[in-house]
Amino acid sequence: MEALRLTIHSALLTPLFDVPPTLRDQEVDVVVLPKLEETKERPHSPERKSPKRESMMGCLSEYANPALRELEKGA
């Protein structure tokens, strides 16, 4: 899966998003991932209301802060 990572000033995001006050007026990282589509290989079962989608688990691990990984395990 391809991803795009940009570091931009949060002021550029305010016309598009409701940027939280803690992220305003500073440089922020923006990660863009493609929207996941339903897969034909994994049809939904009768008890599920929607088809199974590709897992996003671990897709942002390359952007993680290694120093915080241990603290996040107990979160």
PDB file of N, CA and C in Angstrom:
ATOM      1  N   MET A   1       0.847  -1.160   0.000  1.00  0.00           N
ATOM      2  CA  MET A   1       0.000   0.000   0.000  1.00  0.00           C
ATOM      3  C   MET A   1       0.900   1.233   0.000  1.00  0.00           C
ATOM      4  N   GLU A   2       0.615   2.159  -0.888  1.00  0.00           N
ATOM      5  CA  GLU A   2       1.390   3.386  -0.944  1.00  0.00           C
ATOM      6  C   GLU A   2       0.845   4.387   0.054  1.00  0.00           C
ATOM      7  N   ALA A   3       1.739   5.219   0.560  1.00  0.00           N
ATOM      8  CA  ALA A   3       1.356   6.276   1.495  1.00  0.00           C
ATOM      9  C   ALA A   3       2.188   7.503   1.178  1.00  0.00           C
ATOM     10  N   LEU A   4       1.682   8.647   1.561  1.00  0.00           N
ATOM     11  CA  LEU A   4       2.367   9.908   1.358  1.00  0.00           C
ATOM     12  C   LEU A   4       2.491  10.599   2.700  1.00  0.00           C
ATOM     13  N   ARG A   5       3.683  11.090   3.001  1.00  0.00           N
ATOM     14  CA  ARG A   5       3.899  11.797   4.263  1.00  0.00           C
ATOM     15  C   ARG A   5       4.480  13.164   3.950  1.00  0.00           C
ATOM     16  N   LEU A   6       3.841  14.208   4.476  1.00  0.00           N
ATOM     17  CA  LEU A   6       4.276  15.585   4.272  1.00  0.00           C
ATOM     18  C   LEU A   6       4.370  16.293   5.611  1.00  0.00           C
ATOM     19  N   THR A   7       5.333  17.178   5.734  1.00  0.00           N
ATOM     20  CA  THR A   7       5.397  18.060   6.886  1.00  0.00           C
ATOM     21  C   THR A   7       5.032  19.450   6.384  1.00  0.00           C
ATOM     22  N   ILE A   8       3.931  19.991   6.905  1.00  0.00           N
ATOM     23  CA  ILE A   8       3.450  21.298   6.463  1.00  0.00           C
ATOM     24  C   ILE A   8       3.023  22.116   7.682  1.00  0.00           C
ATOM     25  N   HIS A   9       2.786  23.403   7.460  1.00  0.00           N
ATOM     26  CA  HIS A   9       2.285  24.257   8.539  1.00  0.00           C
ATOM     27  C   HIS A   9       0.788  24.012   8.684  1.00  0.00           C
ATOM     28  N   SER A  10       0.333  23.923   9.903  1.00  0.00           N
ATOM     29  CA  SER A  10      -1.077  23.589  10.161  1.00  0.00           C
ATOM     30  C   SER A  10      -2.046  24.625   9.599  1.00  0.00           C
ATOM     31  N   ALA A  11      -1.584  25.829   9.342  1.00  0.00           N
ATOM     32  CA  ALA A  11      -2.463  26.852   8.771  1.00  0.00           C
ATOM     33  C   ALA A  11      -2.979  26.443   7.390  1.00  0.00           C
ATOM     34  N   LEU A  12      -2.227  25.630   6.677  1.00  0.00           N
ATOM     35  CA  LEU A  12      -2.673  25.157   5.368  1.00  0.00           C
ATOM     36  C   LEU A  12      -3.820  24.167   5.475  1.00  0.00           C
ATOM     37  N   LEU A  13      -3.999  23.566   6.634  1.00  0.00           N
ATOM     38  CA  LEU A  13      -5.065  22.580   6.833  1.00  0.00           C
ATOM     39  C   LEU A  13      -6.382  23.199   7.293  1.00  0.00           C
ATOM     40  N   THR A  14      -6.328  24.398   7.858  1.00  0.00           N
ATOM     41  CA  THR A  14      -7.540  24.979   8.448  1.00  0.00           C
ATOM     42  C   THR A  14      -8.679  25.185   7.442  1.00  0.00           C
ATOM     43  N   PRO A  15      -8.422  25.457   6.155  1.00  0.00           N
ATOM     44  CA  PRO A  15      -9.567  25.525   5.234  1.00  0.00           C
ATOM     45  C   PRO A  15     -10.210  24.165   4.963  1.00  0.00           C
ATOM     46  N   LEU A  16      -9.482  23.089   5.234  1.00  0.00           N
ATOM     47  CA  LEU A  16      -9.980  21.747   4.935  1.00  0.00           C
ATOM     48  C   LEU A  16     -10.501  20.989   6.139  1.00  0.00           C
ATOM     49  N   PHE A  17      -9.890  21.226   7.305  1.00  0.00           N
ATOM     50  CA  PHE A  17     -10.202  20.464   8.516  1.00  0.00           C
ATOM     51  C   PHE A  17     -10.393  21.384   9.704  1.00  0.00           C
ATOM     52  N   ASP A  18     -11.072  20.874  10.715  1.00  0.00           N
ATOM     53  CA  ASP A  18     -11.172  21.564  11.998  1.00  0.00           C
ATOM     54  C   ASP A  18      -9.944  21.135  12.801  1.00  0.00           C
ATOM     55  N   VAL A  19      -8.883  21.935  12.696  1.00  0.00           N
ATOM     56  CA  VAL A  19      -7.617  21.593  13.336  1.00  0.00           C
ATOM     57  C   VAL A  19      -7.726  21.860  14.837  1.00  0.00           C
ATOM     58  N   PRO A  20      -7.413  20.869  15.676  1.00  0.00           N
ATOM     59  CA  PRO A  20      -7.479  21.077  17.129  1.00  0.00           C
ATOM     60  C   PRO A  20      -6.522  22.198  17.565  1.00  0.00           C
ATOM     61  N   PRO A  21      -6.887  22.939  18.602  1.00  0.00           N
ATOM     62  CA  PRO A  21      -6.044  24.049  19.070  1.00  0.00           C
ATOM     63  C   PRO A  21      -4.610  23.627  19.398  1.00  0.00           C
ATOM     64  N   THR A  22      -4.423  22.404  19.867  1.00  0.00           N
ATOM     65  CA  THR A  22      -3.071  21.961  20.228  1.00  0.00           C
ATOM     66  C   THR A  22      -2.176  21.754  19.008  1.00  0.00           C
ATOM     67  N   LEU A  23      -2.771  21.692  17.807  1.00  0.00           N
ATOM     68  CA  LEU A  23      -1.991  21.500  16.584  1.00  0.00           C
ATOM     69  C   LEU A  23      -1.884  22.763  15.735  1.00  0.00           C
ATOM     70  N   ARG A  24      -2.526  23.824  16.152  1.00  0.00           N
ATOM     71  CA  ARG A  24      -2.522  25.063  15.364  1.00  0.00           C
ATOM     72  C   ARG A  24      -1.201  25.806  15.479  1.00  0.00           C
ATOM     73  N   ASP A  25      -0.877  26.529  14.407  1.00  0.00           N
ATOM     74  CA  ASP A  25       0.293  27.414  14.351  1.00  0.00           C
ATOM     75  C   ASP A  25       1.610  26.687  14.600  1.00  0.00           C
ATOM     76  N   GLN A  26       1.754  25.512  13.997  1.00  0.00           N
ATOM     77  CA  GLN A  26       3.008  24.766  14.094  1.00  0.00           C
ATOM     78  C   GLN A  26       3.127  23.814  12.908  1.00  0.00           C
ATOM     79  N   GLU A  27       4.307  23.275  12.722  1.00  0.00           N
ATOM     80  CA  GLU A  27       4.526  22.272  11.690  1.00  0.00           C
ATOM     81  C   GLU A  27       3.888  20.961  12.138  1.00  0.00           C
ATOM     82  N   VAL A  28       3.209  20.285  11.206  1.00  0.00           N
ATOM     83  CA  VAL A  28       2.567  19.008  11.508  1.00  0.00           C
ATOM     84  C   VAL A  28       2.884  18.022  10.386  1.00  0.00           C
ATOM     85  N   ASP A  29       2.844  16.737  10.708  1.00  0.00           N
ATOM     86  CA  ASP A  29       2.994  15.680   9.713  1.00  0.00           C
ATOM     87  C   ASP A  29       1.609  15.267   9.243  1.00  0.00           C
ATOM     88  N   VAL A  30       1.458  15.139   7.943  1.00  0.00           N
ATOM     89  CA  VAL A  30       0.208  14.673   7.348  1.00  0.00           C
ATOM     90  C   VAL A  30       0.517  13.375   6.616  1.00  0.00           C
ATOM     91  N   VAL A  31      -0.237  12.326   6.927  1.00  0.00           N
ATOM     92  CA  VAL A  31      -0.071  11.032   6.267  1.00  0.00           C
ATOM     93  C   VAL A  31      -1.339  10.763   5.465  1.00  0.00           C
ATOM     94  N   VAL A  32      -1.163  10.467   4.177  1.00  0.00           N
ATOM     95  CA  VAL A  32      -2.289  10.203   3.282  1.00  0.00           C
ATOM     96  C   VAL A  32      -2.220   8.742   2.860  1.00  0.00           C
ATOM     97  N   LEU A  33      -3.326   8.031   3.107  1.00  0.00           N
ATOM     98  CA  LEU A  33      -3.438   6.619   2.734  1.00  0.00           C
ATOM     99  C   LEU A  33      -4.628   6.458   1.798  1.00  0.00           C
ATOM    100  N   PRO A  34      -4.573   5.493   0.896  1.00  0.00           N
ATOM    101  CA  PRO A  34      -5.725   5.269   0.026  1.00  0.00           C
ATOM    102  C   PRO A  34      -6.902   4.700   0.820  1.00  0.00           C
ATOM    103  N   LYS A  35      -8.098   5.016   0.357  1.00  0.00           N
ATOM    104  CA  LYS A  35      -9.296   4.473   0.992  1.00  0.00           C
ATOM    105  C   LYS A  35      -9.345   2.979   0.716  1.00  0.00           C
ATOM    106  N   LEU A  36      -9.638   2.203   1.739  1.00  0.00           N
ATOM    107  CA  LEU A  36      -9.730   0.747   1.569  1.00  0.00           C
ATOM    108  C   LEU A  36     -11.067   0.382   0.945  1.00  0.00           C
ATOM    109  N   GLU A  37     -10.990  -0.456  -0.040  1.00  0.00           N
ATOM    110  CA  GLU A  37     -12.198  -0.923  -0.719  1.00  0.00           C
ATOM    111  C   GLU A  37     -12.512  -2.338  -0.251  1.00  0.00           C
ATOM    112  N   GLU A  38     -13.739  -2.764  -0.460  1.00  0.00           N
ATOM    113  CA  GLU A  38     -14.117  -4.130  -0.120  1.00  0.00           C
ATOM    114  C   GLU A  38     -13.346  -5.078  -1.034  1.00  0.00           C
ATOM    115  N   THR A  39     -12.922  -6.180  -0.487  1.00  0.00           N
ATOM    116  CA  THR A  39     -12.175  -7.138  -1.297  1.00  0.00           C
ATOM    117  C   THR A  39     -13.068  -8.294  -1.705  1.00  0.00           C
ATOM    118  N   LYS A  40     -12.873  -8.777  -2.920  1.00  0.00           N
ATOM    119  CA  LYS A  40     -13.682  -9.892  -3.410  1.00  0.00           C
ATOM    120  C   LYS A  40     -13.197 -11.215  -2.844  1.00  0.00           C
ATOM    121  N   GLU A  41     -11.920 -11.243  -2.418  1.00  0.00           N
ATOM    122  CA  GLU A  41     -11.377 -12.476  -1.866  1.00  0.00           C
ATOM    123  C   GLU A  41     -11.942 -12.790  -0.484  1.00  0.00           C
ATOM    124  N   ARG A  42     -12.439 -11.799   0.217  1.00  0.00           N
ATOM    125  CA  ARG A  42     -12.948 -11.990   1.581  1.00  0.00           C
ATOM    126  C   ARG A  42     -14.412 -11.552   1.662  1.00  0.00           C
ATOM    127  N   PRO A  43     -15.314 -12.336   1.145  1.00  0.00           N
ATOM    128  CA  PRO A  43     -16.721 -11.939   1.218  1.00  0.00           C
ATOM    129  C   PRO A  43     -17.225 -11.959   2.659  1.00  0.00           C
ATOM    130  N   HIS A  44     -18.260 -11.181   2.899  1.00  0.00           N
ATOM    131  CA  HIS A  44     -18.774 -11.112   4.265  1.00  0.00           C
ATOM    132  C   HIS A  44     -19.610 -12.346   4.593  1.00  0.00           C
ATOM    133  N   SER A  45     -19.598 -12.667   5.849  1.00  0.00           N
ATOM    134  CA  SER A  45     -20.383 -13.798   6.308  1.00  0.00           C
ATOM    135  C   SER A  45     -21.791 -13.310   6.634  1.00  0.00           C
ATOM    136  N   PRO A  46     -22.767 -14.202   6.713  1.00  0.00           N
ATOM    137  CA  PRO A  46     -24.145 -13.779   6.974  1.00  0.00           C
ATOM    138  C   PRO A  46     -24.312 -13.012   8.288  1.00  0.00           C
ATOM    139  N   GLU A  47     -23.496 -13.333   9.302  1.00  0.00           N
ATOM    140  CA  GLU A  47     -23.666 -12.647  10.586  1.00  0.00           C
ATOM    141  C   GLU A  47     -23.030 -11.252  10.607  1.00  0.00           C
ATOM    142  N   ARG A  48     -22.162 -10.962   9.628  1.00  0.00           N
ATOM    143  CA  ARG A  48     -21.549  -9.626   9.545  1.00  0.00           C
ATOM    144  C   ARG A  48     -22.428  -8.727   8.701  1.00  0.00           C
ATOM    145  N   LYS A  49     -22.536  -7.474   9.087  1.00  0.00           N
ATOM    146  CA  LYS A  49     -23.361  -6.547   8.334  1.00  0.00           C
ATOM    147  C   LYS A  49     -22.630  -5.971   7.132  1.00  0.00           C
ATOM    148  N   SER A  50     -21.296  -5.915   7.192  1.00  0.00           N
ATOM    149  CA  SER A  50     -20.536  -5.373   6.069  1.00  0.00           C
ATOM    150  C   SER A  50     -19.398  -6.316   5.719  1.00  0.00           C
ATOM    151  N   PRO A  51     -18.925  -6.248   4.481  1.00  0.00           N
ATOM    152  CA  PRO A  51     -17.818  -7.119   4.089  1.00  0.00           C
ATOM    153  C   PRO A  51     -16.555  -6.793   4.872  1.00  0.00           C
ATOM    154  N   LYS A  52     -15.694  -7.797   5.023  1.00  0.00           N
ATOM    155  CA  LYS A  52     -14.433  -7.621   5.731  1.00  0.00           C
ATOM    156  C   LYS A  52     -13.509  -6.751   4.881  1.00  0.00           C
ATOM    157  N   ARG A  53     -12.771  -5.862   5.520  1.00  0.00           N
ATOM    158  CA  ARG A  53     -11.848  -4.999   4.804  1.00  0.00           C
ATOM    159  C   ARG A  53     -10.421  -5.331   5.199  1.00  0.00           C
ATOM    160  N   GLU A  54      -9.495  -4.900   4.358  1.00  0.00           N
ATOM    161  CA  GLU A  54      -8.082  -5.096   4.646  1.00  0.00           C
ATOM    162  C   GLU A  54      -7.733  -4.410   5.958  1.00  0.00           C
ATOM    163  N   SER A  55      -6.943  -5.055   6.770  1.00  0.00           N
ATOM    164  CA  SER A  55      -6.578  -4.506   8.068  1.00  0.00           C
ATOM    165  C   SER A  55      -5.605  -3.339   7.919  1.00  0.00           C
ATOM    166  N   MET A  56      -5.794  -2.302   8.713  1.00  0.00           N
ATOM    167  CA  MET A  56      -4.886  -1.154   8.727  1.00  0.00           C
ATOM    168  C   MET A  56      -3.855  -1.301   9.835  1.00  0.00           C
ATOM    169  N   MET A  57      -3.915  -2.397  10.579  1.00  0.00           N
ATOM    170  CA  MET A  57      -3.024  -2.598  11.711  1.00  0.00           C
ATOM    171  C   MET A  57      -1.559  -2.529  11.281  1.00  0.00           C
ATOM    172  N   GLY A  58      -0.805  -1.650  11.916  1.00  0.00           N
ATOM    173  CA  GLY A  58       0.620  -1.525  11.663  1.00  0.00           C
ATOM    174  C   GLY A  58       1.004  -0.672  10.477  1.00  0.00           C
ATOM    175  N   CYS A  59       0.034  -0.116   9.739  1.00  0.00           N
ATOM    176  CA  CYS A  59       0.373   0.615   8.522  1.00  0.00           C
ATOM    177  C   CYS A  59       1.115   1.921   8.805  1.00  0.00           C
ATOM    178  N   LEU A  60       1.014   2.457  10.005  1.00  0.00           N
ATOM    179  CA  LEU A  60       1.715   3.698  10.336  1.00  0.00           C
ATOM    180  C   LEU A  60       2.954   3.461  11.185  1.00  0.00           C
ATOM    181  N   SER A  61       3.362   2.216  11.335  1.00  0.00           N
ATOM    182  CA  SER A  61       4.485   1.910  12.226  1.00  0.00           C
ATOM    183  C   SER A  61       5.780   2.594  11.805  1.00  0.00           C
ATOM    184  N   GLU A  62       5.964   2.838  10.509  1.00  0.00           N
ATOM    185  CA  GLU A  62       7.196   3.498  10.077  1.00  0.00           C
ATOM    186  C   GLU A  62       7.252   4.961  10.515  1.00  0.00           C
ATOM    187  N   TYR A  63       6.119   5.528  10.893  1.00  0.00           N
ATOM    188  CA  TYR A  63       6.075   6.912  11.355  1.00  0.00           C
ATOM    189  C   TYR A  63       6.063   7.020  12.876  1.00  0.00           C
ATOM    190  N   ALA A  64       6.082   5.905  13.560  1.00  0.00           N
ATOM    191  CA  ALA A  64       5.993   5.892  15.022  1.00  0.00           C
ATOM    192  C   ALA A  64       7.270   6.425  15.663  1.00  0.00           C
ATOM    193  N   ASN A  65       7.108   6.984  16.835  1.00  0.00           N
ATOM    194  CA  ASN A  65       8.246   7.459  17.626  1.00  0.00           C
ATOM    195  C   ASN A  65       8.708   6.288  18.484  1.00  0.00           C
ATOM    196  N   PRO A  66       9.902   5.735  18.192  1.00  0.00           N
ATOM    197  CA  PRO A  66      10.360   4.554  18.934  1.00  0.00           C
ATOM    198  C   PRO A  66      10.445   4.779  20.439  1.00  0.00           C
ATOM    199  N   ALA A  67      10.739   5.995  20.864  1.00  0.00           N
ATOM    200  CA  ALA A  67      10.848   6.270  22.294  1.00  0.00           C
ATOM    201  C   ALA A  67       9.501   6.147  22.998  1.00  0.00           C
ATOM    202  N   LEU A  68       8.414   6.335  22.269  1.00  0.00           N
ATOM    203  CA  LEU A  68       7.084   6.275  22.881  1.00  0.00           C
ATOM    204  C   LEU A  68       6.422   4.908  22.740  1.00  0.00           C
ATOM    205  N   ARG A  69       6.987   4.012  21.943  1.00  0.00           N
ATOM    206  CA  ARG A  69       6.364   2.714  21.698  1.00  0.00           C
ATOM    207  C   ARG A  69       6.125   1.937  22.984  1.00  0.00           C
ATOM    208  N   GLU A  70       7.093   1.928  23.905  1.00  0.00           N
ATOM    209  CA  GLU A  70       6.930   1.205  25.163  1.00  0.00           C
ATOM    210  C   GLU A  70       5.809   1.792  26.000  1.00  0.00           C
ATOM    211  N   LEU A  71       5.692   3.122  26.017  1.00  0.00           N
ATOM    212  CA  LEU A  71       4.643   3.769  26.807  1.00  0.00           C
ATOM    213  C   LEU A  71       3.264   3.488  26.206  1.00  0.00           C
ATOM    214  N   GLU A  72       3.198   3.365  24.892  1.00  0.00           N
ATOM    215  CA  GLU A  72       1.915   3.163  24.220  1.00  0.00           C
ATOM    216  C   GLU A  72       1.379   1.748  24.409  1.00  0.00           C
ATOM    217  N   LYS A  73       2.225   0.800  24.734  1.00  0.00           N
ATOM    218  CA  LYS A  73       1.762  -0.583  24.896  1.00  0.00           C
ATOM    219  C   LYS A  73       0.719  -0.714  25.989  1.00  0.00           C
ATOM    220  N   GLY A  74       0.817   0.073  27.053  1.00  0.00           N
ATOM    221  CA  GLY A  74      -0.131  -0.014  28.152  1.00  0.00           C
ATOM    222  C   GLY A  74      -1.316   0.917  28.002  1.00  0.00           C
ATOM    223  N   ALA A  75      -1.387   1.646  26.906  1.00  0.00           N
ATOM    224  CA  ALA A  75      -2.485   2.613  26.722  1.00  0.00           C
ATOM    225  C   ALA A  75      -3.782   1.924  26.420  1.00  0.00           C
TER     226      ALA A  75
END
